[in-house]
Amino acid sequence: MHTLDIRLTTAADLPAITEIYEHAVRYGTATFELIPPDLTEMTRRYGVLMEGGFPYFTAVLEGRVVGYAYAGAYRPRPAYRFTVENSVYLQPAIHRRGVGMQLLQRLIAECEARGYRQMIAVIGDSANAGSIGVHTRCGFQMIGTHPDVGFKFGRWLDTVMMQRALGDGGTTLPAG
């Protein structure tokens, strides 16, 4: 297998990222969006994350973008400013090859370096064993399940909440 390169995302990566996310929207339950956002909307979302100072990584294999991961604000109120929510998406052909775990590990390390204290995963579909497993292997703990909160593909879907402390977590006061 060729070497996987995980690097900061650039605007040039957004067309490939848009395609990956489009597939997830159209065929998967990891996201509860029903209509895939176009490149303009994905570019806007990327800009919001960049303006907020959040990390966003792209995984490249054999010169092709095969996945991406980012952290964003968990909630908009200022008391949540040390908590982030993560997102990880992969091309379907790359699943089960360790790319998602490498992206998530890199994202965790970067969020710790930036002083965040908690990372939340909101996993679409309680049957999403792959994502739940990757998060568990990366140190996340199961917090709970919100049953039947999404409706997609003619059925009700759960969300699974997982959480991981970053750095000192809640054992010390933050620096800012």
N, C-alpha and C. Protein backbone atom coordinates (compact mmCIF):
# COMPACT_ATOMS: atom_id res chain seq x y z
N MET A 1 0.84 -1.19 0.00
CA MET A 1 0.00 0.00 0.00
C MET A 1 0.88 1.24 0.00
N HIS A 2 0.51 2.21 -0.76
CA HIS A 2 1.24 3.46 -0.81
C HIS A 2 1.09 4.22 0.50
N THR A 3 1.96 5.16 0.71
CA THR A 3 1.93 5.95 1.93
C THR A 3 0.76 6.92 1.91
N LEU A 4 0.05 6.93 3.02
CA LEU A 4 -1.04 7.86 3.19
C LEU A 4 -0.48 9.19 3.65
N ASP A 5 -0.91 10.27 3.02
CA ASP A 5 -0.51 11.61 3.42
C ASP A 5 -1.72 12.30 4.03
N ILE A 6 -1.58 12.70 5.28
CA ILE A 6 -2.64 13.48 5.94
C ILE A 6 -2.09 14.88 6.12
N ARG A 7 -2.77 15.83 5.50
CA ARG A 7 -2.28 17.21 5.51
C ARG A 7 -3.44 18.17 5.70
N LEU A 8 -3.10 19.42 5.98
CA LEU A 8 -4.13 20.43 6.12
C LEU A 8 -4.89 20.57 4.79
N THR A 9 -6.17 20.73 4.89
CA THR A 9 -7.02 20.89 3.72
C THR A 9 -6.81 22.26 3.10
N THR A 10 -6.85 22.29 1.78
CA THR A 10 -6.82 23.55 1.03
C THR A 10 -8.08 23.65 0.19
N ALA A 11 -8.35 24.82 -0.32
CA ALA A 11 -9.52 25.02 -1.17
C ALA A 11 -9.48 24.09 -2.39
N ALA A 12 -8.29 23.73 -2.86
CA ALA A 12 -8.18 22.84 -4.01
C ALA A 12 -8.70 21.44 -3.72
N ASP A 13 -8.80 21.06 -2.44
CA ASP A 13 -9.31 19.75 -2.06
C ASP A 13 -10.84 19.69 -2.05
N LEU A 14 -11.48 20.85 -2.04
CA LEU A 14 -12.93 20.89 -1.82
C LEU A 14 -13.77 20.20 -2.89
N PRO A 15 -13.40 20.20 -4.18
CA PRO A 15 -14.21 19.42 -5.13
C PRO A 15 -14.23 17.92 -4.78
N ALA A 16 -13.10 17.36 -4.42
CA ALA A 16 -13.06 15.93 -4.05
C ALA A 16 -13.80 15.69 -2.74
N ILE A 17 -13.66 16.60 -1.79
CA ILE A 17 -14.37 16.49 -0.51
C ILE A 17 -15.88 16.57 -0.76
N THR A 18 -16.30 17.44 -1.65
CA THR A 18 -17.71 17.56 -1.98
C THR A 18 -18.25 16.25 -2.55
N GLU A 19 -17.47 15.60 -3.39
CA GLU A 19 -17.88 14.31 -3.97
C GLU A 19 -17.99 13.23 -2.89
N ILE A 20 -17.04 13.19 -1.99
CA ILE A 20 -17.09 12.19 -0.91
C ILE A 20 -18.34 12.41 -0.06
N TYR A 21 -18.59 13.67 0.29
CA TYR A 21 -19.75 13.96 1.13
C TYR A 21 -21.05 13.71 0.37
N GLU A 22 -21.07 14.01 -0.91
CA GLU A 22 -22.27 13.76 -1.71
C GLU A 22 -22.66 12.28 -1.64
N HIS A 23 -21.68 11.40 -1.77
CA HIS A 23 -21.96 9.97 -1.68
C HIS A 23 -22.51 9.61 -0.31
N ALA A 24 -21.93 10.18 0.74
CA ALA A 24 -22.40 9.90 2.11
C ALA A 24 -23.85 10.36 2.29
N VAL A 25 -24.19 11.50 1.72
CA VAL A 25 -25.56 12.01 1.83
C VAL A 25 -26.52 11.12 1.05
N ARG A 26 -26.16 10.79 -0.18
CA ARG A 26 -27.07 10.03 -1.05
C ARG A 26 -27.27 8.58 -0.62
N TYR A 27 -26.24 7.96 -0.08
CA TYR A 27 -26.30 6.51 0.13
C TYR A 27 -26.06 6.06 1.57
N GLY A 28 -25.66 6.96 2.45
CA GLY A 28 -25.31 6.56 3.80
C GLY A 28 -26.17 7.18 4.87
N THR A 29 -25.95 6.72 6.09
CA THR A 29 -26.69 7.24 7.23
C THR A 29 -25.77 7.92 8.24
N ALA A 30 -24.51 8.12 7.88
CA ALA A 30 -23.59 8.83 8.77
C ALA A 30 -23.97 10.30 8.91
N THR A 31 -24.58 10.85 7.86
CA THR A 31 -25.08 12.21 7.91
C THR A 31 -26.59 12.17 7.71
N PHE A 32 -27.28 13.08 8.35
CA PHE A 32 -28.72 13.13 8.20
C PHE A 32 -29.16 14.17 7.17
N GLU A 33 -28.20 14.73 6.44
CA GLU A 33 -28.59 15.61 5.34
C GLU A 33 -29.27 14.76 4.28
N LEU A 34 -30.24 15.36 3.60
CA LEU A 34 -30.99 14.64 2.58
C LEU A 34 -30.63 15.08 1.16
N ILE A 35 -30.17 16.31 1.03
CA ILE A 35 -29.78 16.86 -0.27
C ILE A 35 -28.30 17.22 -0.19
N PRO A 36 -27.46 16.64 -1.05
CA PRO A 36 -26.04 16.95 -0.98
C PRO A 36 -25.75 18.42 -1.26
N PRO A 37 -24.96 19.05 -0.42
CA PRO A 37 -24.58 20.44 -0.69
C PRO A 37 -23.63 20.50 -1.88
N ASP A 38 -23.72 21.58 -2.64
CA ASP A 38 -22.85 21.74 -3.79
C ASP A 38 -21.50 22.31 -3.35
N LEU A 39 -20.61 22.47 -4.31
CA LEU A 39 -19.27 22.96 -4.03
C LEU A 39 -19.31 24.35 -3.39
N THR A 40 -20.22 25.20 -3.82
CA THR A 40 -20.32 26.53 -3.23
C THR A 40 -20.63 26.45 -1.75
N GLU A 41 -21.57 25.59 -1.38
CA GLU A 41 -21.94 25.45 0.03
C GLU A 41 -20.81 24.79 0.83
N MET A 42 -20.16 23.79 0.26
CA MET A 42 -19.04 23.14 0.96
C MET A 42 -17.89 24.13 1.15
N THR A 43 -17.69 25.01 0.19
CA THR A 43 -16.67 26.04 0.30
C THR A 43 -17.04 27.02 1.41
N ARG A 44 -18.30 27.38 1.50
CA ARG A 44 -18.76 28.27 2.57
C ARG A 44 -18.52 27.61 3.93
N ARG A 45 -18.87 26.35 4.07
CA ARG A 45 -18.69 25.64 5.33
C ARG A 45 -17.22 25.56 5.71
N TYR A 46 -16.38 25.28 4.74
CA TYR A 46 -14.93 25.24 4.96
C TYR A 46 -14.45 26.61 5.46
N GLY A 47 -14.93 27.67 4.83
CA GLY A 47 -14.54 29.02 5.24
C GLY A 47 -14.93 29.33 6.67
N VAL A 48 -16.11 28.91 7.08
CA VAL A 48 -16.56 29.13 8.46
C VAL A 48 -15.61 28.43 9.43
N LEU A 49 -15.24 27.20 9.12
CA LEU A 49 -14.31 26.47 10.00
C LEU A 49 -12.94 27.14 10.03
N MET A 50 -12.46 27.58 8.89
CA MET A 50 -11.15 28.23 8.84
C MET A 50 -11.18 29.55 9.61
N GLU A 51 -12.24 30.33 9.43
CA GLU A 51 -12.37 31.59 10.17
C GLU A 51 -12.45 31.37 11.67
N GLY A 52 -13.02 30.23 12.08
CA GLY A 52 -13.12 29.89 13.49
C GLY A 52 -11.85 29.30 14.07
N GLY A 53 -10.84 29.08 13.21
CA GLY A 53 -9.58 28.53 13.69
C GLY A 53 -9.61 27.03 13.97
N PHE A 54 -10.51 26.31 13.34
CA PHE A 54 -10.63 24.87 13.58
C PHE A 54 -9.75 24.07 12.62
N PRO A 55 -9.30 22.89 13.04
CA PRO A 55 -8.47 22.06 12.17
C PRO A 55 -9.32 21.29 11.15
N TYR A 56 -8.76 21.14 9.95
CA TYR A 56 -9.44 20.43 8.86
C TYR A 56 -8.34 19.71 8.08
N PHE A 57 -8.42 18.39 7.99
CA PHE A 57 -7.38 17.58 7.35
C PHE A 57 -7.94 16.79 6.18
N THR A 58 -7.08 16.56 5.20
CA THR A 58 -7.39 15.76 4.03
C THR A 58 -6.42 14.59 3.98
N ALA A 59 -6.96 13.41 3.66
CA ALA A 59 -6.13 12.21 3.47
C ALA A 59 -5.96 12.00 1.97
N VAL A 60 -4.70 11.84 1.55
CA VAL A 60 -4.37 11.67 0.14
C VAL A 60 -3.60 10.35 -0.01
N LEU A 61 -4.06 9.54 -0.94
CA LEU A 61 -3.42 8.25 -1.24
C LEU A 61 -3.25 8.15 -2.74
N GLU A 62 -2.03 7.89 -3.17
CA GLU A 62 -1.73 7.78 -4.60
C GLU A 62 -2.19 9.02 -5.37
N GLY A 63 -2.03 10.19 -4.74
CA GLY A 63 -2.37 11.44 -5.39
C GLY A 63 -3.85 11.78 -5.40
N ARG A 64 -4.68 10.96 -4.77
CA ARG A 64 -6.13 11.20 -4.76
C ARG A 64 -6.61 11.48 -3.34
N VAL A 65 -7.53 12.42 -3.21
CA VAL A 65 -8.17 12.68 -1.92
C VAL A 65 -9.10 11.50 -1.64
N VAL A 66 -8.87 10.83 -0.51
CA VAL A 66 -9.67 9.66 -0.17
C VAL A 66 -10.49 9.85 1.11
N GLY A 67 -10.27 10.95 1.81
CA GLY A 67 -11.03 11.20 3.02
C GLY A 67 -10.68 12.54 3.61
N TYR A 68 -11.47 12.92 4.61
CA TYR A 68 -11.21 14.19 5.29
C TYR A 68 -11.80 14.13 6.69
N ALA A 69 -11.28 14.99 7.54
CA ALA A 69 -11.77 15.09 8.91
C ALA A 69 -11.60 16.53 9.37
N TYR A 70 -12.54 16.97 10.19
CA TYR A 70 -12.42 18.30 10.75
C TYR A 70 -13.09 18.33 12.11
N ALA A 71 -12.75 19.35 12.86
CA ALA A 71 -13.42 19.64 14.13
C ALA A 71 -14.07 21.00 13.99
N GLY A 72 -15.21 21.13 14.61
CA GLY A 72 -15.92 22.40 14.62
C GLY A 72 -16.52 22.64 15.98
N ALA A 73 -17.16 23.77 16.12
CA ALA A 73 -17.78 24.11 17.39
C ALA A 73 -18.84 23.07 17.74
N TYR A 74 -18.83 22.63 18.98
CA TYR A 74 -19.86 21.68 19.44
C TYR A 74 -21.20 22.40 19.58
N ARG A 75 -21.19 23.57 20.18
CA ARG A 75 -22.37 24.41 20.34
C ARG A 75 -21.90 25.86 20.23
N PRO A 76 -22.80 26.78 19.85
CA PRO A 76 -22.35 28.16 19.63
C PRO A 76 -22.13 29.00 20.89
N ARG A 77 -22.68 28.62 22.02
CA ARG A 77 -22.54 29.46 23.21
C ARG A 77 -21.10 29.41 23.74
N PRO A 78 -20.62 30.53 24.27
CA PRO A 78 -19.21 30.64 24.65
C PRO A 78 -18.74 29.66 25.70
N ALA A 79 -19.60 29.18 26.56
CA ALA A 79 -19.17 28.23 27.59
C ALA A 79 -18.68 26.92 26.97
N TYR A 80 -19.07 26.63 25.73
CA TYR A 80 -18.66 25.41 25.03
C TYR A 80 -17.35 25.58 24.25
N ARG A 81 -16.67 26.70 24.39
CA ARG A 81 -15.54 27.04 23.52
C ARG A 81 -14.36 26.07 23.61
N PHE A 82 -14.30 25.23 24.63
CA PHE A 82 -13.21 24.27 24.76
C PHE A 82 -13.62 22.87 24.31
N THR A 83 -14.81 22.76 23.72
CA THR A 83 -15.34 21.48 23.26
C THR A 83 -15.57 21.55 21.76
N VAL A 84 -15.13 20.51 21.06
CA VAL A 84 -15.32 20.43 19.62
C VAL A 84 -16.07 19.15 19.27
N GLU A 85 -16.70 19.20 18.11
CA GLU A 85 -17.35 18.02 17.53
C GLU A 85 -16.57 17.62 16.30
N ASN A 86 -16.35 16.32 16.13
CA ASN A 86 -15.57 15.88 14.98
C ASN A 86 -16.45 15.31 13.87
N SER A 87 -15.90 15.35 12.66
CA SER A 87 -16.51 14.72 11.49
C SER A 87 -15.41 14.05 10.69
N VAL A 88 -15.67 12.83 10.24
CA VAL A 88 -14.72 12.07 9.42
C VAL A 88 -15.52 11.40 8.30
N TYR A 89 -15.09 11.61 7.07
CA TYR A 89 -15.74 10.99 5.91
C TYR A 89 -14.68 10.41 4.98
N LEU A 90 -14.99 9.26 4.39
CA LEU A 90 -14.07 8.56 3.50
C LEU A 90 -14.76 8.16 2.20
N GLN A 91 -13.96 8.01 1.16
CA GLN A 91 -14.48 7.38 -0.05
C GLN A 91 -14.89 5.96 0.32
N PRO A 92 -15.99 5.47 -0.22
CA PRO A 92 -16.44 4.12 0.15
C PRO A 92 -15.38 3.04 -0.08
N ALA A 93 -14.61 3.14 -1.14
CA ALA A 93 -13.61 2.11 -1.45
C ALA A 93 -12.47 2.07 -0.44
N ILE A 94 -12.34 3.08 0.39
CA ILE A 94 -11.22 3.17 1.32
C ILE A 94 -11.61 2.71 2.73
N HIS A 95 -12.88 2.43 2.95
CA HIS A 95 -13.33 1.99 4.27
C HIS A 95 -12.58 0.73 4.70
N ARG A 96 -12.40 0.60 6.00
CA ARG A 96 -11.80 -0.59 6.63
C ARG A 96 -10.32 -0.78 6.27
N ARG A 97 -9.64 0.32 5.99
CA ARG A 97 -8.21 0.26 5.68
C ARG A 97 -7.39 1.11 6.65
N GLY A 98 -8.02 1.61 7.71
CA GLY A 98 -7.31 2.36 8.73
C GLY A 98 -7.19 3.84 8.48
N VAL A 99 -7.72 4.31 7.35
CA VAL A 99 -7.60 5.73 7.01
C VAL A 99 -8.42 6.59 7.97
N GLY A 100 -9.63 6.16 8.29
CA GLY A 100 -10.47 6.91 9.21
C GLY A 100 -9.82 7.05 10.58
N MET A 101 -9.21 5.98 11.05
CA MET A 101 -8.54 6.03 12.35
C MET A 101 -7.36 6.99 12.30
N GLN A 102 -6.57 6.95 11.24
CA GLN A 102 -5.43 7.86 11.13
C GLN A 102 -5.88 9.32 11.07
N LEU A 103 -6.95 9.58 10.34
CA LEU A 103 -7.48 10.94 10.28
C LEU A 103 -7.95 11.39 11.66
N LEU A 104 -8.68 10.52 12.36
CA LEU A 104 -9.20 10.88 13.67
C LEU A 104 -8.07 11.08 14.67
N GLN A 105 -7.05 10.23 14.63
CA GLN A 105 -5.90 10.40 15.53
C GLN A 105 -5.19 11.72 15.29
N ARG A 106 -5.03 12.08 14.04
CA ARG A 106 -4.39 13.37 13.71
C ARG A 106 -5.23 14.54 14.18
N LEU A 107 -6.54 14.42 14.01
CA LEU A 107 -7.46 15.46 14.44
C LEU A 107 -7.43 15.62 15.96
N ILE A 108 -7.42 14.51 16.68
CA ILE A 108 -7.35 14.55 18.14
C ILE A 108 -6.08 15.25 18.59
N ALA A 109 -4.95 14.87 18.02
CA ALA A 109 -3.67 15.47 18.40
C ALA A 109 -3.67 16.97 18.14
N GLU A 110 -4.21 17.38 17.01
CA GLU A 110 -4.24 18.81 16.68
C GLU A 110 -5.17 19.57 17.61
N CYS A 111 -6.30 19.00 17.94
CA CYS A 111 -7.22 19.67 18.87
C CYS A 111 -6.61 19.79 20.26
N GLU A 112 -5.88 18.78 20.69
CA GLU A 112 -5.18 18.88 21.97
C GLU A 112 -4.14 19.99 21.93
N ALA A 113 -3.40 20.06 20.84
CA ALA A 113 -2.37 21.10 20.70
C ALA A 113 -2.98 22.50 20.70
N ARG A 114 -4.21 22.62 20.25
CA ARG A 114 -4.88 23.92 20.20
C ARG A 114 -5.62 24.25 21.50
N GLY A 115 -5.53 23.38 22.50
CA GLY A 115 -6.09 23.67 23.81
C GLY A 115 -7.53 23.26 24.04
N TYR A 116 -8.11 22.53 23.10
CA TYR A 116 -9.46 22.03 23.33
C TYR A 116 -9.42 20.95 24.40
N ARG A 117 -10.51 20.78 25.14
CA ARG A 117 -10.53 19.85 26.28
C ARG A 117 -11.44 18.65 26.11
N GLN A 118 -12.42 18.74 25.23
CA GLN A 118 -13.34 17.62 25.01
C GLN A 118 -13.64 17.53 23.52
N MET A 119 -13.81 16.29 23.04
CA MET A 119 -14.25 16.07 21.67
C MET A 119 -15.50 15.20 21.71
N ILE A 120 -16.50 15.64 20.98
CA ILE A 120 -17.77 14.95 20.90
C ILE A 120 -17.91 14.35 19.51
N ALA A 121 -18.40 13.11 19.47
CA ALA A 121 -18.76 12.47 18.20
C ALA A 121 -20.26 12.25 18.21
N VAL A 122 -20.93 12.76 17.21
CA VAL A 122 -22.35 12.50 17.03
C VAL A 122 -22.44 11.60 15.80
N ILE A 123 -22.62 10.32 16.04
CA ILE A 123 -22.55 9.32 14.98
C ILE A 123 -23.95 9.00 14.49
N GLY A 124 -24.17 9.22 13.21
CA GLY A 124 -25.46 8.91 12.62
C GLY A 124 -25.64 7.41 12.49
N ASP A 125 -26.76 6.91 12.99
CA ASP A 125 -27.17 5.52 12.86
C ASP A 125 -26.43 4.62 13.85
N SER A 126 -27.16 4.11 14.80
CA SER A 126 -26.56 3.24 15.82
C SER A 126 -26.03 1.94 15.23
N ALA A 127 -26.38 1.64 13.98
CA ALA A 127 -25.84 0.47 13.29
C ALA A 127 -24.50 0.76 12.62
N ASN A 128 -23.98 1.96 12.76
CA ASN A 128 -22.72 2.35 12.12
C ASN A 128 -21.55 1.82 12.95
N ALA A 129 -21.39 0.50 12.91
CA ALA A 129 -20.38 -0.17 13.74
C ALA A 129 -18.97 0.28 13.41
N GLY A 130 -18.68 0.60 12.15
CA GLY A 130 -17.34 1.03 11.78
C GLY A 130 -16.94 2.31 12.48
N SER A 131 -17.80 3.31 12.43
CA SER A 131 -17.49 4.59 13.07
C SER A 131 -17.45 4.45 14.59
N ILE A 132 -18.39 3.72 15.14
CA ILE A 132 -18.39 3.51 16.59
C ILE A 132 -17.11 2.81 17.02
N GLY A 133 -16.68 1.81 16.26
CA GLY A 133 -15.45 1.08 16.57
C GLY A 133 -14.21 1.95 16.49
N VAL A 134 -14.11 2.77 15.45
CA VAL A 134 -12.95 3.66 15.30
C VAL A 134 -12.90 4.64 16.46
N HIS A 135 -14.02 5.21 16.81
CA HIS A 135 -14.04 6.16 17.93
C HIS A 135 -13.68 5.47 19.24
N THR A 136 -14.17 4.26 19.44
CA THR A 136 -13.82 3.51 20.66
C THR A 136 -12.32 3.26 20.72
N ARG A 137 -11.73 2.83 19.60
CA ARG A 137 -10.29 2.56 19.56
C ARG A 137 -9.46 3.83 19.76
N CYS A 138 -10.06 4.98 19.48
CA CYS A 138 -9.38 6.27 19.69
C CYS A 138 -9.67 6.87 21.06
N GLY A 139 -10.25 6.09 21.95
CA GLY A 139 -10.43 6.53 23.33
C GLY A 139 -11.75 7.19 23.67
N PHE A 140 -12.70 7.18 22.75
CA PHE A 140 -14.02 7.74 23.03
C PHE A 140 -14.83 6.77 23.88
N GLN A 141 -15.67 7.34 24.71
CA GLN A 141 -16.59 6.54 25.51
C GLN A 141 -18.01 6.80 25.05
N MET A 142 -18.83 5.77 25.15
CA MET A 142 -20.23 5.89 24.81
C MET A 142 -20.92 6.76 25.86
N ILE A 143 -21.61 7.79 25.41
CA ILE A 143 -22.34 8.68 26.32
C ILE A 143 -23.83 8.33 26.30
N GLY A 144 -24.33 7.99 25.13
CA GLY A 144 -25.73 7.61 25.03
C GLY A 144 -26.21 7.59 23.60
N THR A 145 -27.46 7.21 23.46
CA THR A 145 -28.08 7.13 22.14
C THR A 145 -29.38 7.93 22.17
N HIS A 146 -29.56 8.71 21.13
CA HIS A 146 -30.83 9.41 20.93
C HIS A 146 -31.62 8.56 19.93
N PRO A 147 -32.61 7.82 20.40
CA PRO A 147 -33.34 6.93 19.48
C PRO A 147 -34.29 7.70 18.56
N ASP A 148 -34.34 7.24 17.33
CA ASP A 148 -35.35 7.69 16.37
C ASP A 148 -35.42 9.20 16.19
N VAL A 149 -34.27 9.87 16.09
CA VAL A 149 -34.27 11.32 15.94
C VAL A 149 -34.12 11.78 14.48
N GLY A 150 -33.76 10.88 13.60
CA GLY A 150 -33.64 11.22 12.18
C GLY A 150 -34.49 10.28 11.35
N PHE A 151 -34.98 10.79 10.22
CA PHE A 151 -35.77 9.96 9.31
C PHE A 151 -35.16 10.08 7.92
N LYS A 152 -34.62 8.96 7.44
CA LYS A 152 -33.93 8.95 6.15
C LYS A 152 -34.10 7.56 5.53
N PHE A 153 -34.24 7.51 4.24
CA PHE A 153 -34.39 6.25 3.52
C PHE A 153 -35.60 5.44 4.03
N GLY A 154 -36.65 6.17 4.43
CA GLY A 154 -37.88 5.53 4.84
C GLY A 154 -37.84 4.86 6.20
N ARG A 155 -36.86 5.23 7.02
CA ARG A 155 -36.79 4.61 8.36
C ARG A 155 -36.25 5.60 9.37
N TRP A 156 -36.54 5.34 10.63
CA TRP A 156 -36.04 6.14 11.73
C TRP A 156 -34.62 5.73 12.05
N LEU A 157 -33.81 6.72 12.38
CA LEU A 157 -32.40 6.49 12.71
C LEU A 157 -32.05 7.11 14.05
N ASP A 158 -31.16 6.45 14.75
CA ASP A 158 -30.64 6.95 16.02
C ASP A 158 -29.40 7.80 15.77
N THR A 159 -29.01 8.57 16.76
CA THR A 159 -27.65 9.11 16.81
C THR A 159 -26.99 8.58 18.06
N VAL A 160 -25.73 8.27 17.92
CA VAL A 160 -24.92 7.77 19.04
C VAL A 160 -23.99 8.90 19.46
N MET A 161 -23.97 9.18 20.74
CA MET A 161 -23.11 10.22 21.30
C MET A 161 -21.91 9.56 21.97
N MET A 162 -20.72 9.99 21.56
CA MET A 162 -19.48 9.50 22.17
C MET A 162 -18.64 10.72 22.54
N GLN A 163 -17.77 10.57 23.53
CA GLN A 163 -16.98 11.70 24.01
C GLN A 163 -15.60 11.22 24.43
N ARG A 164 -14.62 12.10 24.22
CA ARG A 164 -13.24 11.83 24.59
C ARG A 164 -12.63 13.09 25.19
N ALA A 165 -11.97 12.94 26.32
CA ALA A 165 -11.23 14.06 26.89
C ALA A 165 -10.01 14.33 26.02
N LEU A 166 -9.65 15.60 25.92
CA LEU A 166 -8.44 16.02 25.20
C LEU A 166 -7.49 16.64 26.23
N GLY A 167 -6.23 16.29 26.18
CA GLY A 167 -5.27 16.84 27.14
C GLY A 167 -5.70 16.55 28.55
N ASP A 168 -5.78 17.60 29.36
CA ASP A 168 -6.20 17.45 30.76
C ASP A 168 -7.70 17.30 30.92
N GLY A 169 -8.44 17.39 29.83
CA GLY A 169 -9.89 17.27 29.92
C GLY A 169 -10.44 18.28 30.91
N GLY A 170 -11.27 17.79 31.80
CA GLY A 170 -11.89 18.66 32.78
C GLY A 170 -11.20 18.64 34.14
N THR A 171 -9.95 18.13 34.19
CA THR A 171 -9.26 18.02 35.48
C THR A 171 -8.55 19.31 35.89
N THR A 172 -8.33 20.21 34.94
CA THR A 172 -7.68 21.49 35.26
C THR A 172 -8.44 22.61 34.57
N LEU A 173 -8.19 23.82 35.01
CA LEU A 173 -8.82 24.98 34.39
C LEU A 173 -8.14 25.30 33.07
N PRO A 174 -8.89 25.75 32.07
CA PRO A 174 -8.28 26.11 30.79
C PRO A 174 -7.46 27.40 30.92
N ALA A 175 -6.58 27.59 29.96
CA ALA A 175 -5.69 28.75 29.98
C ALA A 175 -6.38 30.03 29.51
N GLY A 176 -7.53 29.93 28.90
CA GLY A 176 -8.13 31.16 28.37
C GLY A 176 -9.54 31.29 28.58
